[in-house]
Amino acid sequence: MRRLAALVLLAMSTPLAAQSAPKVEEASIADLHAMMAKGEASSEAITQAYLARIAAMDRQGPVLRSVIATNPDALAQARAADARRKAGKPLGPLDGVPVLVKDNIETRDPIATTAGSLALKDNITGRDAPVVAELRKAGAVILGKTNLSEWANIRSSNSISGWSAVGGQVKNPYALDRTPCGSSSGTGAAIAASFAAVGLGTETDGSVVCPSSINGLVGLKPTIGLVSRTHVVPISHSQDTPGPMARNVRDAAILFSAMVAADPADPATKDAARHRRDYAASLDGASLKGVRIAVLHPEMRPDQAALYDAALAVLKAQGAVLVDVERPKLDGLGEAEFHVLLTELKADLNTYLATTPPAVKVRTLADAIAFNEANKAAEMPFFGQETFIAAEKTNGLDDAEYLGARAKSKRLAGKEGIDAMLAKANAAILVEPTTGPAWLTEPVYGDQGGGPSSSELPAVAGYPNLTVPMGLVKGLPMGLSFIGTAYAEQALLEAGYVYEQASKARVAPRYLPQADVGPGQEGAVK
């Protein structure tokens, strides 16, 4: 009797939002706003529901390890959004919407920005990266920071996507033994698992589009210069950019619209204001009728090729004119890109580390190398830092070899690569598979990924790359990439939206221990 009375008292003292938590699984931004507009749930209740879902699934349950830290100020931010709504003064389409941020992007909240490294565990800067400041202006609730491939996957060529010394190994929600890809692995897994409606990733070459593809998401790697990189732990000013990740094209477009802004501290963004608009506004009226699309056919396994052929059939059924093209040889592109990344990593990381708080003792790339060596058991249990060491040996941004490599790589990827293929097809959009299905997470040998990849040419050229779910191969997602020239985001989002609405290819994750490969492994012997 006393136990029953205690339960009744507990129920009476529990807030209504906790008694009937809003359903946030698979909820879109529109769904969240509808809940708030109808009075079915407040931003505070929605934020609490996401926090509860993270608590139940990220370090227990399937143990995704996708979130490094939740924001202790998130509920206060949500209550502020509720107050604005009650006063009839909402800030915009993101007001009250919880957003997860990759943990190489600074926020002013009382949590560190670590890039996954123990060297930055005390990097609490008290400042927003301008891209985060723009989200706050739109009313977003900063829910927390996501795990990532440590140092955005640039420390070693033998790394494991999704592993960091701070956060551990991120798991793929579609098959827990499979890679989430990287480096925005935590954002990919977290948004797939409905830990938030949308999230921020960053890309240098594949770090938004690969985890988006492999986790069944929409991801946009924007044109370089549309989104500020200030106060983002860097690799390369030539290729780095934050990008939106979401479960549908409209949500990605809404988040992206709030991210585009000029930043005086990032000269690449000087023209960004001219491209700031509501990228979601035109989606409902989008059409592919008569739109010419260049189509690449990379080598793939038959089951992957069949999925791609089905996606192309959807585009054709929507009126697109498909024109097959071949990728030019582009000899030396990979080597030139790598030299650029090594040189800019040393210069850009040294510049960033010099601005961190005094509590951060690592002030240069050389310091980071020494820290890793001194903390080898924690920082390098699976792979080393040979890429860091190679970068430390580079000769600076005035070096003739670096300048030549940058000019060569940009020419090959842009003028002689994407531009040439589009010109040959008389098209404005190029499509190809984003990447293959997720490979096994492998701490012994490191990443074993193979198959197609769409990321290199747009990454090096600085062009946009949008990936949209294409369906499953043996229970594992694949994405379809829509690629264009600089500032083609509107066209890519519209094409991706038409494809998404016609294909309805995305399937929610089931948190299986292994990939759903079907019968056959047991053989005939009983």
Protein backbone atom coordinates (compact mmCIF):
# COMPACT_ATOMS: atom_id res chain seq x y z
CA MET A 1 0.00 0.00 0.00
CA ARG A 2 2.82 2.38 0.89
CA ARG A 3 4.52 1.47 -2.44
CA LEU A 4 1.34 2.33 -4.39
CA ALA A 5 1.01 5.63 -2.54
CA ALA A 6 4.62 6.41 -3.36
CA LEU A 7 3.99 5.71 -7.04
CA VAL A 8 0.94 7.99 -7.03
CA LEU A 9 2.91 10.79 -5.37
CA LEU A 10 5.71 10.29 -7.92
CA ALA A 11 3.23 10.54 -10.80
CA MET A 12 1.70 13.71 -9.33
CA SER A 13 5.13 15.30 -8.97
CA THR A 14 6.33 14.31 -12.45
CA PRO A 15 5.97 17.00 -15.18
CA LEU A 16 3.40 16.22 -17.87
CA ALA A 17 6.14 16.12 -20.54
CA ALA A 18 7.88 13.32 -18.64
CA GLN A 19 4.63 11.36 -18.23
CA SER A 20 3.72 11.49 -21.90
CA ALA A 21 6.95 12.12 -23.74
CA PRO A 22 6.54 13.23 -27.36
CA LYS A 23 7.43 10.66 -30.01
CA VAL A 24 10.65 11.91 -31.56
CA GLU A 25 11.74 8.75 -33.36
CA GLU A 26 11.84 9.50 -37.10
CA ALA A 27 10.26 12.94 -36.45
CA SER A 28 11.03 15.65 -39.01
CA ILE A 29 11.43 19.36 -38.31
CA ALA A 30 7.87 19.83 -39.61
CA ASP A 31 6.63 17.14 -37.20
CA LEU A 32 8.34 18.86 -34.27
CA HIS A 33 6.91 22.24 -35.20
CA ALA A 34 3.45 20.73 -35.59
CA MET A 35 3.70 19.28 -32.06
CA MET A 36 4.70 22.68 -30.70
CA ALA A 37 2.11 24.63 -32.71
CA LYS A 38 -0.73 22.36 -31.58
CA GLY A 39 0.39 22.45 -27.97
CA GLU A 40 1.04 18.71 -27.97
CA ALA A 41 4.64 19.19 -26.85
CA SER A 42 6.92 22.04 -25.93
CA SER A 43 10.50 22.47 -27.11
CA GLU A 44 11.50 21.60 -23.56
CA ALA A 45 9.58 18.31 -23.69
CA ILE A 46 11.00 17.49 -27.14
CA THR A 47 14.52 18.26 -25.96
CA GLN A 48 14.00 16.10 -22.87
CA ALA A 49 12.71 13.27 -25.08
CA TYR A 50 15.87 13.38 -27.20
CA LEU A 51 18.05 13.46 -24.07
CA ALA A 52 16.18 10.44 -22.71
CA ARG A 53 16.63 8.59 -26.00
CA ILE A 54 20.37 9.31 -25.95
CA ALA A 55 20.59 8.12 -22.34
CA ALA A 56 18.75 4.89 -23.20
CA MET A 57 20.63 4.01 -26.39
CA ASP A 58 24.01 5.67 -26.66
CA ARG A 59 25.90 4.16 -23.69
CA GLN A 60 23.44 1.32 -23.04
CA GLY A 61 21.03 -0.60 -25.25
CA PRO A 62 22.74 -0.78 -28.67
CA VAL A 63 25.60 1.36 -27.24
CA LEU A 64 26.08 3.54 -30.33
CA ARG A 65 28.69 5.83 -28.70
CA SER A 66 27.62 8.56 -31.10
CA VAL A 67 27.39 11.42 -28.59
CA ILE A 68 30.47 12.66 -26.71
CA ALA A 69 28.59 15.12 -24.49
CA THR A 70 25.09 16.45 -24.03
CA ASN A 71 24.71 20.16 -23.36
CA PRO A 72 23.76 21.04 -19.77
CA ASP A 73 22.24 24.28 -21.11
CA ALA A 74 20.01 22.56 -23.69
CA LEU A 75 16.84 22.57 -21.59
CA ALA A 76 17.29 26.25 -20.74
CA GLN A 77 17.64 27.03 -24.45
CA ALA A 78 14.47 25.03 -25.13
CA ARG A 79 12.55 26.93 -22.45
CA ALA A 80 13.67 30.19 -24.05
CA ALA A 81 12.29 28.97 -27.38
CA ASP A 82 8.99 28.10 -25.69
CA ALA A 83 8.82 31.60 -24.21
CA ARG A 84 9.38 33.15 -27.66
CA ARG A 85 6.63 31.00 -29.13
CA LYS A 86 4.24 31.92 -26.35
CA ALA A 87 5.01 35.60 -26.95
CA GLY A 88 4.42 35.17 -30.68
CA LYS A 89 8.04 35.95 -31.54
CA PRO A 90 9.61 32.73 -32.87
CA LEU A 91 12.96 33.19 -34.61
CA GLY A 92 12.42 30.94 -37.62
CA PRO A 93 12.04 27.38 -38.88
CA LEU A 94 14.68 26.04 -36.48
CA ASP A 95 13.26 27.72 -33.36
CA GLY A 96 13.06 25.16 -30.58
CA VAL A 97 14.51 22.38 -32.72
CA PRO A 98 17.35 20.41 -31.05
CA VAL A 99 20.50 20.13 -33.17
CA LEU A 100 23.58 17.95 -32.57
CA VAL A 101 27.00 19.38 -33.47
CA LYS A 102 30.12 17.43 -34.42
CA ASP A 103 32.77 17.75 -31.73
CA ASN A 104 35.28 19.60 -33.85
CA ILE A 105 32.94 22.63 -34.06
CA GLU A 106 33.08 25.03 -31.13
CA THR A 107 30.02 26.11 -29.17
CA ARG A 108 29.93 28.57 -26.30
CA ASP A 109 28.23 25.99 -24.09
CA PRO A 110 30.12 24.59 -21.05
CA ILE A 111 31.42 21.54 -22.95
CA ALA A 112 34.78 20.96 -24.59
CA THR A 113 35.51 20.85 -28.30
CA THR A 114 37.85 17.87 -28.49
CA ALA A 115 38.04 16.63 -32.09
CA GLY A 116 37.99 13.29 -30.27
CA SER A 117 41.50 13.78 -28.86
CA LEU A 118 42.44 13.72 -25.18
CA ALA A 119 44.84 16.56 -26.02
CA LEU A 120 41.80 18.84 -26.32
CA LYS A 121 39.77 17.53 -23.36
CA ASP A 122 40.05 20.98 -21.68
CA ASN A 123 39.24 22.96 -24.83
CA ILE A 124 36.23 24.81 -23.39
CA THR A 125 36.48 28.05 -25.34
CA GLY A 126 33.24 29.83 -24.40
CA ARG A 127 32.83 30.91 -28.02
CA ASP A 128 30.54 29.86 -30.83
CA ALA A 129 31.86 28.95 -34.24
CA PRO A 130 30.05 31.43 -36.55
CA VAL A 131 28.11 28.54 -38.10
CA VAL A 132 26.74 27.68 -34.64
CA ALA A 133 26.01 31.36 -33.96
CA GLU A 134 23.88 31.39 -37.12
CA LEU A 135 21.92 28.38 -35.87
CA ARG A 136 21.31 30.14 -32.55
CA LYS A 137 20.00 33.18 -34.44
CA ALA A 138 17.48 30.80 -36.04
CA GLY A 139 16.47 29.53 -32.59
CA ALA A 140 18.14 26.11 -32.65
CA VAL A 141 18.69 24.29 -29.37
CA ILE A 142 22.28 23.02 -29.19
CA LEU A 143 21.65 19.54 -27.81
CA GLY A 144 25.22 18.29 -27.56
CA LYS A 145 28.40 17.23 -29.35
CA THR A 146 28.81 14.10 -31.47
CA ASN A 147 31.67 11.63 -31.58
CA LEU A 148 33.88 11.51 -34.67
CA SER A 149 36.89 9.89 -36.22
CA GLU A 150 39.65 11.44 -34.12
CA TRP A 151 41.17 14.62 -35.61
CA ALA A 152 38.61 14.17 -38.43
CA ASN A 153 40.40 11.04 -39.67
CA ILE A 154 43.66 12.77 -40.65
CA ARG A 155 46.06 11.32 -38.05
CA SER A 156 46.73 8.04 -39.87
CA SER A 157 46.03 6.29 -43.15
CA ASN A 158 45.35 3.09 -41.14
CA SER A 159 42.66 4.62 -38.93
CA ILE A 160 39.29 3.19 -37.91
CA SER A 161 36.36 5.35 -38.98
CA GLY A 162 34.32 6.46 -35.99
CA TRP A 163 36.96 5.82 -33.30
CA SER A 164 38.26 8.51 -30.99
CA ALA A 165 40.15 8.32 -27.73
CA VAL A 166 37.51 10.52 -26.09
CA GLY A 167 34.35 8.88 -27.41
CA GLY A 168 35.33 5.32 -28.28
CA GLN A 169 34.00 3.47 -31.32
CA VAL A 170 30.77 4.69 -32.96
CA LYS A 171 28.49 1.88 -34.15
CA ASN A 172 26.30 1.79 -37.23
CA PRO A 173 22.58 1.65 -36.27
CA TYR A 174 21.81 -0.60 -39.24
CA ALA A 175 24.33 -3.27 -38.19
CA LEU A 176 26.25 -2.71 -34.99
CA ASP A 177 29.38 -4.52 -36.19
CA ARG A 178 29.65 -2.29 -39.27
CA THR A 179 31.39 1.04 -39.78
CA PRO A 180 29.48 4.31 -39.44
CA CYS A 181 32.07 5.80 -41.83
CA GLY A 182 33.78 9.05 -40.95
CA SER A 183 34.75 11.44 -39.94
CA SER A 184 31.24 12.73 -39.08
CA SER A 185 30.44 9.25 -37.83
CA GLY A 186 28.77 10.31 -34.59
CA THR A 187 26.47 12.77 -36.35
CA GLY A 188 25.60 10.09 -38.90
CA ALA A 189 24.75 7.42 -36.33
CA ALA A 190 23.01 9.87 -33.98
CA ILE A 191 20.68 11.36 -36.60
CA ALA A 192 19.92 7.90 -38.02
CA ALA A 193 19.00 6.84 -34.47
CA SER A 194 16.74 9.91 -34.00
CA PHE A 195 18.86 11.47 -31.25
CA ALA A 196 17.95 14.78 -32.96
CA ALA A 197 16.13 15.76 -36.12
CA VAL A 198 19.26 17.22 -37.74
CA GLY A 199 22.98 17.59 -37.08
CA LEU A 200 26.17 19.25 -38.23
CA GLY A 201 29.05 17.37 -39.77
CA THR A 202 32.22 18.60 -41.42
CA GLU A 203 33.89 17.40 -44.59
CA THR A 204 37.35 17.60 -46.07
CA ASP A 205 36.92 14.66 -48.46
CA GLY A 206 33.93 12.41 -47.79
CA SER A 207 33.36 13.14 -44.11
CA VAL A 208 29.76 14.33 -44.55
CA VAL A 209 28.63 12.32 -47.56
CA CYS A 210 30.12 8.94 -46.58
CA PRO A 211 28.61 8.73 -43.07
CA SER A 212 25.36 10.11 -44.46
CA SER A 213 25.24 7.45 -47.16
CA ILE A 214 26.25 4.60 -44.85
CA ASN A 215 23.79 5.64 -42.12
CA GLY A 216 20.84 6.12 -44.47
CA LEU A 217 20.80 9.93 -44.34
CA VAL A 218 20.69 12.99 -46.54
CA GLY A 219 23.97 14.88 -46.31
CA LEU A 220 25.17 18.01 -48.11
CA LYS A 221 28.81 18.96 -48.59
CA PRO A 222 28.39 22.61 -49.61
CA THR A 223 30.39 24.78 -51.97
CA ILE A 224 33.53 26.02 -50.23
CA GLY A 225 32.84 29.58 -49.09
CA LEU A 226 29.15 29.30 -48.24
CA VAL A 227 29.66 28.24 -44.61
CA SER A 228 32.23 29.66 -42.19
CA ARG A 229 35.06 27.43 -40.90
CA THR A 230 36.19 29.77 -38.10
CA HIS A 231 36.53 28.01 -34.72
CA VAL A 232 36.28 24.60 -36.39
CA VAL A 233 39.26 22.32 -35.69
CA PRO A 234 40.83 22.35 -39.17
CA ILE A 235 42.51 20.11 -41.69
CA SER A 236 42.51 22.15 -44.90
CA HIS A 237 41.23 25.63 -45.71
CA SER A 238 41.01 24.54 -49.36
CA GLN A 239 38.55 21.73 -48.65
CA ASP A 240 37.07 21.96 -45.12
CA THR A 241 33.42 22.86 -44.69
CA PRO A 242 30.60 22.15 -42.24
CA GLY A 243 27.54 20.54 -43.79
CA PRO A 244 24.00 19.55 -42.75
CA MET A 245 22.95 15.94 -42.11
CA ALA A 246 19.29 14.89 -41.80
CA ARG A 247 16.83 12.10 -42.49
CA ASN A 248 15.18 13.91 -45.42
CA VAL A 249 16.05 16.53 -48.00
CA ARG A 250 13.72 19.22 -46.65
CA ASP A 251 15.27 19.09 -43.19
CA ALA A 252 18.77 19.26 -44.68
CA ALA A 253 17.70 22.30 -46.74
CA ILE A 254 16.20 24.04 -43.68
CA LEU A 255 19.37 23.50 -41.65
CA PHE A 256 21.60 24.54 -44.56
CA SER A 257 19.60 27.75 -45.09
CA ALA A 258 20.49 28.83 -41.56
CA MET A 259 24.19 28.00 -42.00
CA VAL A 260 25.01 30.13 -45.05
CA ALA A 261 26.59 33.44 -44.01
CA ALA A 262 29.61 35.64 -44.59
CA ASP A 263 32.32 35.66 -41.91
CA PRO A 264 35.00 38.38 -41.95
CA ALA A 265 37.42 35.97 -40.29
CA ASP A 266 37.02 33.46 -43.16
CA PRO A 267 37.87 35.22 -46.45
CA ALA A 268 36.46 32.35 -48.50
CA THR A 269 32.95 33.38 -47.39
CA LYS A 270 33.09 36.96 -48.71
CA ASP A 271 30.35 36.26 -51.28
CA ALA A 272 28.22 33.97 -49.08
CA ALA A 273 25.56 36.61 -48.34
CA ARG A 274 24.59 36.65 -52.04
CA HIS A 275 23.69 32.97 -51.75
CA ARG A 276 21.78 33.10 -48.47
CA ARG A 277 18.15 32.12 -49.05
CA ASP A 278 15.44 29.68 -48.02
CA TYR A 279 16.67 26.59 -49.83
CA ALA A 280 13.58 24.62 -48.77
CA ALA A 281 11.06 27.09 -50.25
CA SER A 282 11.16 25.77 -53.82
CA LEU A 283 11.22 22.05 -53.07
CA ASP A 284 7.49 21.39 -53.44
CA GLY A 285 7.47 22.84 -56.95
CA ALA A 286 10.65 21.08 -58.07
CA SER A 287 10.67 18.99 -61.25
CA LEU A 288 13.15 16.91 -63.22
CA LYS A 289 11.23 17.06 -66.49
CA GLY A 290 13.71 17.73 -69.26
CA VAL A 291 16.64 18.12 -66.83
CA ARG A 292 19.79 16.64 -68.32
CA ILE A 293 21.82 14.58 -65.86
CA ALA A 294 25.31 13.19 -66.48
CA VAL A 295 25.61 9.63 -65.17
CA LEU A 296 28.77 7.85 -64.05
CA HIS A 297 28.90 4.03 -63.91
CA PRO A 298 31.69 3.01 -61.50
CA GLU A 299 32.59 -0.63 -60.95
CA MET A 300 30.30 -2.26 -58.38
CA ARG A 301 29.08 -5.65 -57.29
CA PRO A 302 25.90 -6.81 -59.09
CA ASP A 303 23.60 -6.16 -56.12
CA GLN A 304 24.95 -2.63 -55.73
CA ALA A 305 24.67 -1.99 -59.47
CA ALA A 306 21.07 -3.21 -59.42
CA LEU A 307 20.19 -0.71 -56.69
CA TYR A 308 21.86 2.06 -58.67
CA ASP A 309 20.04 1.06 -61.86
CA ALA A 310 16.75 1.24 -59.96
CA ALA A 311 17.63 4.75 -58.76
CA LEU A 312 18.43 5.84 -62.31
CA ALA A 313 15.09 4.41 -63.44
CA VAL A 314 13.35 6.62 -60.85
CA LEU A 315 15.14 9.70 -62.20
CA LYS A 316 14.17 8.77 -65.75
CA ALA A 317 10.55 8.18 -64.72
CA GLN A 318 10.50 11.71 -63.28
CA GLY A 319 11.42 13.10 -66.69
CA ALA A 320 15.18 13.44 -66.36
CA VAL A 321 17.30 12.97 -69.49
CA LEU A 322 20.17 10.66 -68.51
CA VAL A 323 23.46 10.92 -70.40
CA ASP A 324 26.24 8.43 -69.65
CA VAL A 325 29.71 9.85 -69.16
CA GLU A 326 33.11 8.44 -68.23
CA ARG A 327 35.39 9.82 -65.55
CA PRO A 328 38.58 11.26 -67.09
CA LYS A 329 41.87 9.66 -66.01
CA LEU A 330 43.07 12.70 -63.99
CA ASP A 331 46.51 11.24 -63.32
CA GLY A 332 48.20 12.57 -60.19
CA LEU A 333 45.06 13.97 -58.56
CA GLY A 334 45.28 11.87 -55.42
CA GLU A 335 48.94 12.64 -54.83
CA ALA A 336 48.43 16.37 -55.37
CA GLU A 337 45.42 16.46 -53.04
CA PHE A 338 47.33 14.63 -50.30
CA HIS A 339 50.24 17.06 -50.51
CA VAL A 340 47.82 19.97 -50.15
CA LEU A 341 46.16 18.36 -47.13
CA LEU A 342 49.48 17.68 -45.40
CA THR A 343 50.73 21.23 -45.91
CA GLU A 344 47.51 22.94 -44.89
CA LEU A 345 47.03 20.63 -41.90
CA LYS A 346 50.26 21.85 -40.31
CA ALA A 347 49.62 25.52 -41.06
CA ASP A 348 45.90 25.58 -40.23
CA LEU A 349 46.09 23.43 -37.10
CA ASN A 350 48.95 25.49 -35.70
CA THR A 351 46.89 28.64 -36.24
CA TYR A 352 43.83 27.12 -34.55
CA LEU A 353 45.66 25.67 -31.55
CA ALA A 354 47.28 29.04 -30.83
CA THR A 355 43.78 30.43 -30.10
CA THR A 356 42.72 27.77 -27.60
CA PRO A 357 42.48 28.43 -23.83
CA PRO A 358 45.60 28.22 -21.61
CA ALA A 359 44.30 24.91 -20.19
CA VAL A 360 45.07 23.35 -23.58
CA LYS A 361 48.79 22.58 -23.47
CA VAL A 362 49.03 21.33 -27.06
CA ARG A 363 49.73 24.51 -29.08
CA THR A 364 51.12 23.09 -32.36
CA LEU A 365 50.97 19.98 -34.52
CA ALA A 366 54.39 19.05 -33.13
CA ASP A 367 52.93 19.26 -29.63
CA ALA A 368 50.05 16.98 -30.68
CA ILE A 369 52.50 14.42 -32.04
CA ALA A 370 54.45 14.51 -28.76
CA PHE A 371 51.22 14.23 -26.74
CA ASN A 372 50.13 11.15 -28.68
CA GLU A 373 53.50 9.52 -28.15
CA ALA A 374 53.45 10.28 -24.44
CA ASN A 375 49.89 8.91 -24.16
CA LYS A 376 50.33 6.03 -26.59
CA ALA A 377 48.21 3.48 -24.72
CA ALA A 378 45.14 5.73 -24.73
CA GLU A 379 45.67 7.56 -28.03
CA MET A 380 47.22 4.94 -30.28
CA PRO A 381 45.95 1.48 -29.27
CA PHE A 382 44.85 0.66 -32.83
CA PHE A 383 46.74 2.91 -35.27
CA GLY A 384 49.54 5.45 -35.29
CA GLN A 385 50.08 9.01 -36.48
CA GLU A 386 52.15 8.72 -39.63
CA THR A 387 50.04 11.33 -41.43
CA PHE A 388 50.62 13.83 -38.61
CA ILE A 389 54.36 13.14 -38.81
CA ALA A 390 54.37 13.62 -42.60
CA ALA A 391 52.46 16.89 -42.24
CA GLU A 392 54.95 18.22 -39.69
CA LYS A 393 57.70 17.85 -42.32
CA THR A 394 55.98 20.13 -44.88
CA ASN A 395 57.38 23.53 -45.76
CA GLY A 396 54.52 25.98 -45.40
CA LEU A 397 51.93 27.72 -47.55
CA ASP A 398 54.54 29.63 -49.61
CA ASP A 399 56.28 26.42 -50.70
CA ALA A 400 56.39 26.09 -54.50
CA GLU A 401 55.61 22.36 -54.42
CA TYR A 402 52.50 23.00 -52.34
CA LEU A 403 51.32 25.83 -54.60
CA GLY A 404 51.82 23.65 -57.64
CA ALA A 405 49.93 20.76 -56.06
CA ARG A 406 47.00 23.01 -55.14
CA ALA A 407 46.74 24.44 -58.65
CA LYS A 408 47.03 20.98 -60.21
CA SER A 409 44.49 19.30 -57.96
CA LYS A 410 41.92 22.05 -58.38
CA ARG A 411 42.33 22.02 -62.18
CA LEU A 412 42.05 18.24 -62.44
CA ALA A 413 39.02 17.96 -60.14
CA GLY A 414 37.19 20.99 -61.51
CA LYS A 415 37.95 22.07 -65.08
CA GLU A 416 39.19 18.69 -66.31
CA GLY A 417 36.96 16.60 -64.05
CA ILE A 418 33.43 17.64 -63.06
CA ASP A 419 33.25 20.59 -65.47
CA ALA A 420 34.38 18.45 -68.40
CA MET A 421 31.89 15.67 -67.68
CA LEU A 422 29.00 18.10 -67.32
CA ALA A 423 29.99 19.90 -70.53
CA LYS A 424 30.19 16.64 -72.47
CA ALA A 425 26.66 15.73 -71.34
CA ASN A 426 25.38 19.32 -71.67
CA ALA A 427 24.14 18.85 -68.11
CA ALA A 428 24.20 20.79 -64.83
CA ILE A 429 24.02 17.76 -62.51
CA LEU A 430 26.20 14.66 -62.23
CA VAL A 431 25.00 11.53 -60.41
CA GLU A 432 26.86 8.49 -59.11
CA PRO A 433 26.70 6.20 -56.07
CA THR A 434 28.02 8.00 -52.98
CA THR A 435 29.85 4.98 -51.60
CA GLY A 436 29.37 1.26 -51.08
CA PRO A 437 27.62 -0.39 -48.13
CA ALA A 438 29.25 -0.30 -44.69
CA TRP A 439 32.25 -2.54 -44.15
CA LEU A 440 33.06 -4.28 -40.87
CA THR A 441 34.58 -2.17 -38.11
CA GLU A 442 38.09 -3.61 -37.95
CA PRO A 443 40.45 -2.63 -35.09
CA VAL A 444 43.16 -5.04 -36.27
CA TYR A 445 43.59 -3.96 -39.89
CA GLY A 446 41.84 -0.58 -39.91
CA ASP A 447 39.28 0.56 -42.46
CA GLN A 448 38.72 -1.98 -45.23
CA GLY A 449 36.27 0.01 -47.35
CA GLY A 450 36.12 -0.43 -51.09
CA GLY A 451 33.74 0.14 -53.94
CA PRO A 452 32.55 3.42 -55.46
CA SER A 453 33.15 6.84 -53.93
CA SER A 454 31.77 10.18 -55.10
CA SER A 455 33.64 12.46 -52.72
CA GLU A 456 37.06 13.26 -54.19
CA LEU A 457 36.25 15.45 -57.19
CA PRO A 458 33.72 17.79 -55.50
CA ALA A 459 35.87 17.94 -52.36
CA VAL A 460 39.00 19.03 -54.21
CA ALA A 461 37.17 21.33 -56.64
CA GLY A 462 35.20 22.94 -53.79
CA TYR A 463 31.89 21.99 -55.42
CA PRO A 464 28.71 20.75 -53.69
CA ASN A 465 27.83 17.08 -53.23
CA LEU A 466 24.38 16.01 -51.99
CA THR A 467 23.75 12.38 -51.01
CA VAL A 468 20.22 10.98 -50.72
CA PRO A 469 19.27 7.45 -49.54
CA MET A 470 19.08 4.97 -52.41
CA GLY A 471 17.94 1.90 -50.44
CA LEU A 472 19.56 -1.12 -48.83
CA VAL A 473 21.96 -3.82 -49.99
CA LYS A 474 21.83 -6.78 -47.60
CA GLY A 475 20.31 -4.52 -44.97
CA LEU A 476 22.96 -1.79 -45.39
CA PRO A 477 22.23 1.68 -46.82
CA MET A 478 23.70 3.19 -49.96
CA GLY A 479 23.32 6.78 -51.13
CA LEU A 480 22.96 8.51 -54.48
CA SER A 481 25.15 11.58 -55.02
CA PHE A 482 23.97 14.68 -56.88
CA ILE A 483 27.02 16.81 -57.81
CA GLY A 484 27.20 20.22 -59.46
CA THR A 485 29.52 23.17 -59.93
CA ALA A 486 29.98 25.97 -57.40
CA TYR A 487 26.79 27.34 -55.81
CA ALA A 488 24.56 24.68 -57.41
CA GLU A 489 23.01 23.72 -54.06
CA GLN A 490 19.49 24.82 -54.99
CA ALA A 491 19.43 22.65 -58.11
CA LEU A 492 20.93 19.68 -56.28
CA LEU A 493 18.47 19.91 -53.39
CA GLU A 494 15.53 20.15 -55.78
CA ALA A 495 16.74 17.14 -57.80
CA GLY A 496 17.41 15.18 -54.62
CA TYR A 497 13.97 16.06 -53.27
CA VAL A 498 12.19 14.91 -56.43
CA TYR A 499 14.14 11.66 -56.33
CA GLU A 500 13.48 11.18 -52.60
CA GLN A 501 9.74 11.75 -52.93
CA ALA A 502 9.46 9.38 -55.90
CA SER A 503 11.73 6.62 -54.59
CA LYS A 504 10.85 6.67 -50.87
CA ALA A 505 14.02 4.64 -50.55
CA ARG A 506 15.05 5.41 -46.98
CA VAL A 507 14.50 2.64 -44.45
CA ALA A 508 14.81 3.30 -40.70
CA PRO A 509 17.54 1.41 -38.78
CA ARG A 510 16.79 -1.72 -36.72
CA TYR A 511 19.97 -1.86 -34.57
CA LEU A 512 20.76 -5.41 -35.68
CA PRO A 513 23.94 -7.00 -34.26
CA GLN A 514 24.97 -7.93 -37.82
CA ALA A 515 23.91 -7.10 -41.35
CA ASP A 516 20.66 -8.67 -42.50
CA VAL A 517 22.21 -10.82 -45.22
CA GLY A 518 19.37 -13.35 -45.40
CA PRO A 519 19.54 -17.16 -45.29
CA GLY A 520 22.41 -19.23 -46.65
CA GLN A 521 25.22 -19.02 -44.14
CA GLU A 522 24.16 -22.14 -42.25
CA GLY A 523 24.54 -24.47 -45.26
CA ALA A 524 22.63 -27.68 -45.92
CA VAL A 525 23.96 -29.88 -43.10
CA LYS A 526 21.52 -30.11 -40.16
